[in-house]
Amino acid sequence: MSKQEFMELMDEFIEWIKTGNDVSSFDKLEELFRMSKHFQDTEDRDINQKRVEVLILLKHMTDNSDVQRYIERRIEQLGR
């Protein structure tokens, strides 16, 4: 499981979202979660920047204010 593979998978997921597809129907969602867990404590700027990009897209997809606040906190943590 390489950084490059994870970055490519996140790019694929971002494009999936941007084209209006439902998040839950992304066929590699389980793999994305598994890889995300593997890299969860990384200090790698590229990975964390890509995560922020994903979170921003997800934040705009929900009307749930609790979820939006959680995403905002997570974005702040990754931005440090």
C-alpha atoms as a PDB file:
ATOM      1  CA  MET A   1       0.000   0.000   0.000  1.00  0.00           C
ATOM      2  CA  SER A   2       1.899   3.022  -1.242  1.00  0.00           C
ATOM      3  CA  LYS A   3       1.372   6.730  -0.901  1.00  0.00           C
ATOM      4  CA  GLN A   4       0.973   6.935  -4.691  1.00  0.00           C
ATOM      5  CA  GLU A   5      -1.796   4.313  -4.694  1.00  0.00           C
ATOM      6  CA  PHE A   6      -3.633   6.146  -1.927  1.00  0.00           C
ATOM      7  CA  MET A   7      -3.311   9.507  -3.696  1.00  0.00           C
ATOM      8  CA  GLU A   8      -4.620   8.003  -6.947  1.00  0.00           C
ATOM      9  CA  LEU A   9      -7.558   6.406  -5.159  1.00  0.00           C
ATOM     10  CA  MET A  10      -8.439   9.697  -3.474  1.00  0.00           C
ATOM     11  CA  ASP A  11      -8.246  11.471  -6.858  1.00  0.00           C
ATOM     12  CA  GLU A  12     -10.587   8.861  -8.304  1.00  0.00           C
ATOM     13  CA  PHE A  13     -12.989   9.365  -5.379  1.00  0.00           C
ATOM     14  CA  ILE A  14     -12.889  13.156  -5.800  1.00  0.00           C
ATOM     15  CA  GLU A  15     -13.765  12.841  -9.483  1.00  0.00           C
ATOM     16  CA  TRP A  16     -16.542  10.397  -8.573  1.00  0.00           C
ATOM     17  CA  ILE A  17     -18.063  12.978  -6.220  1.00  0.00           C
ATOM     18  CA  LYS A  18     -17.571  15.926  -8.584  1.00  0.00           C
ATOM     19  CA  THR A  19     -19.483  14.149 -11.340  1.00  0.00           C
ATOM     20  CA  GLY A  20     -22.517  13.904  -9.074  1.00  0.00           C
ATOM     21  CA  ASN A  21     -22.307  10.251  -8.134  1.00  0.00           C
ATOM     22  CA  ASP A  22     -23.483   8.975  -4.781  1.00  0.00           C
ATOM     23  CA  VAL A  23     -20.632   8.485  -2.314  1.00  0.00           C
ATOM     24  CA  SER A  24     -21.948   5.136  -1.122  1.00  0.00           C
ATOM     25  CA  SER A  25     -21.944   3.708  -4.648  1.00  0.00           C
ATOM     26  CA  PHE A  26     -18.197   4.243  -5.149  1.00  0.00           C
ATOM     27  CA  ASP A  27     -17.038   0.691  -5.817  1.00  0.00           C
ATOM     28  CA  LYS A  28     -13.687   1.168  -4.062  1.00  0.00           C
ATOM     29  CA  LEU A  29     -15.074   2.791  -0.906  1.00  0.00           C
ATOM     30  CA  GLU A  30     -14.026  -0.073   1.366  1.00  0.00           C
ATOM     31  CA  GLU A  31     -10.505   0.029  -0.060  1.00  0.00           C
ATOM     32  CA  LEU A  32     -10.407   3.802   0.419  1.00  0.00           C
ATOM     33  CA  PHE A  33     -11.388   3.450   4.090  1.00  0.00           C
ATOM     34  CA  ARG A  34      -8.794   0.729   4.643  1.00  0.00           C
ATOM     35  CA  MET A  35      -6.026   2.802   3.058  1.00  0.00           C
ATOM     36  CA  SER A  36      -7.152   5.910   4.904  1.00  0.00           C
ATOM     37  CA  LYS A  37      -6.863   4.071   8.198  1.00  0.00           C
ATOM     38  CA  HIS A  38      -3.350   2.932   7.246  1.00  0.00           C
ATOM     39  CA  PHE A  39      -2.286   6.547   6.639  1.00  0.00           C
ATOM     40  CA  GLN A  40      -4.392   8.150   9.393  1.00  0.00           C
ATOM     41  CA  ASP A  41      -1.496   9.415  11.521  1.00  0.00           C
ATOM     42  CA  THR A  42       0.690  10.590   8.669  1.00  0.00           C
ATOM     43  CA  GLU A  43       2.291  14.011   8.658  1.00  0.00           C
ATOM     44  CA  ASP A  44       2.595  13.876   4.855  1.00  0.00           C
ATOM     45  CA  ARG A  45       1.414  17.217   3.483  1.00  0.00           C
ATOM     46  CA  ASP A  46       0.308  15.809   0.115  1.00  0.00           C
ATOM     47  CA  ILE A  47      -1.907  13.166   1.681  1.00  0.00           C
ATOM     48  CA  ASN A  48      -3.396  15.544   4.229  1.00  0.00           C
ATOM     49  CA  GLN A  49      -4.062  18.192   1.572  1.00  0.00           C
ATOM     50  CA  LYS A  50      -5.882  15.611  -0.528  1.00  0.00           C
ATOM     51  CA  ARG A  51      -7.890  14.578   2.544  1.00  0.00           C
ATOM     52  CA  VAL A  52      -8.899  18.202   3.086  1.00  0.00           C
ATOM     53  CA  GLU A  53     -10.071  18.369  -0.525  1.00  0.00           C
ATOM     54  CA  VAL A  54     -12.240  15.273   0.001  1.00  0.00           C
ATOM     55  CA  LEU A  55     -13.628  16.642   3.283  1.00  0.00           C
ATOM     56  CA  ILE A  56     -14.560  19.974   1.700  1.00  0.00           C
ATOM     57  CA  LEU A  57     -16.514  18.164  -1.005  1.00  0.00           C
ATOM     58  CA  LEU A  58     -18.260  15.983   1.571  1.00  0.00           C
ATOM     59  CA  LYS A  59     -19.081  18.991   3.751  1.00  0.00           C
ATOM     60  CA  HIS A  60     -20.954  20.608   0.870  1.00  0.00           C
ATOM     61  CA  MET A  61     -22.925  17.421   0.287  1.00  0.00           C
ATOM     62  CA  THR A  62     -24.568  17.297   3.723  1.00  0.00           C
ATOM     63  CA  ASP A  63     -27.176  19.453   5.382  1.00  0.00           C
ATOM     64  CA  ASN A  64     -26.464  17.941   8.791  1.00  0.00           C
ATOM     65  CA  SER A  65     -24.893  20.697  10.910  1.00  0.00           C
ATOM     66  CA  ASP A  66     -23.285  18.194  13.326  1.00  0.00           C
ATOM     67  CA  VAL A  67     -21.535  16.462  10.441  1.00  0.00           C
ATOM     68  CA  GLN A  68     -20.477  19.813   8.990  1.00  0.00           C
ATOM     69  CA  ARG A  69     -18.955  20.868  12.333  1.00  0.00           C
ATOM     70  CA  TYR A  70     -17.122  17.544  12.617  1.00  0.00           C
ATOM     71  CA  ILE A  71     -15.725  17.975   9.108  1.00  0.00           C
ATOM     72  CA  GLU A  72     -14.649  21.547   9.905  1.00  0.00           C
ATOM     73  CA  ARG A  73     -12.767  20.346  13.002  1.00  0.00           C
ATOM     74  CA  ARG A  74     -11.110  17.576  11.014  1.00  0.00           C
ATOM     75  CA  ILE A  75     -10.057  20.036   8.303  1.00  0.00           C
ATOM     76  CA  GLU A  76      -8.487  22.244  10.980  1.00  0.00           C
ATOM     77  CA  GLN A  77      -6.587  19.264  12.425  1.00  0.00           C
ATOM     78  CA  LEU A  78      -5.245  18.257   9.032  1.00  0.00           C
ATOM     79  CA  GLY A  79      -4.300  21.821   8.159  1.00  0.00           C
ATOM     80  CA  ARG A  80      -1.908  22.122  11.082  1.00  0.00           C
END
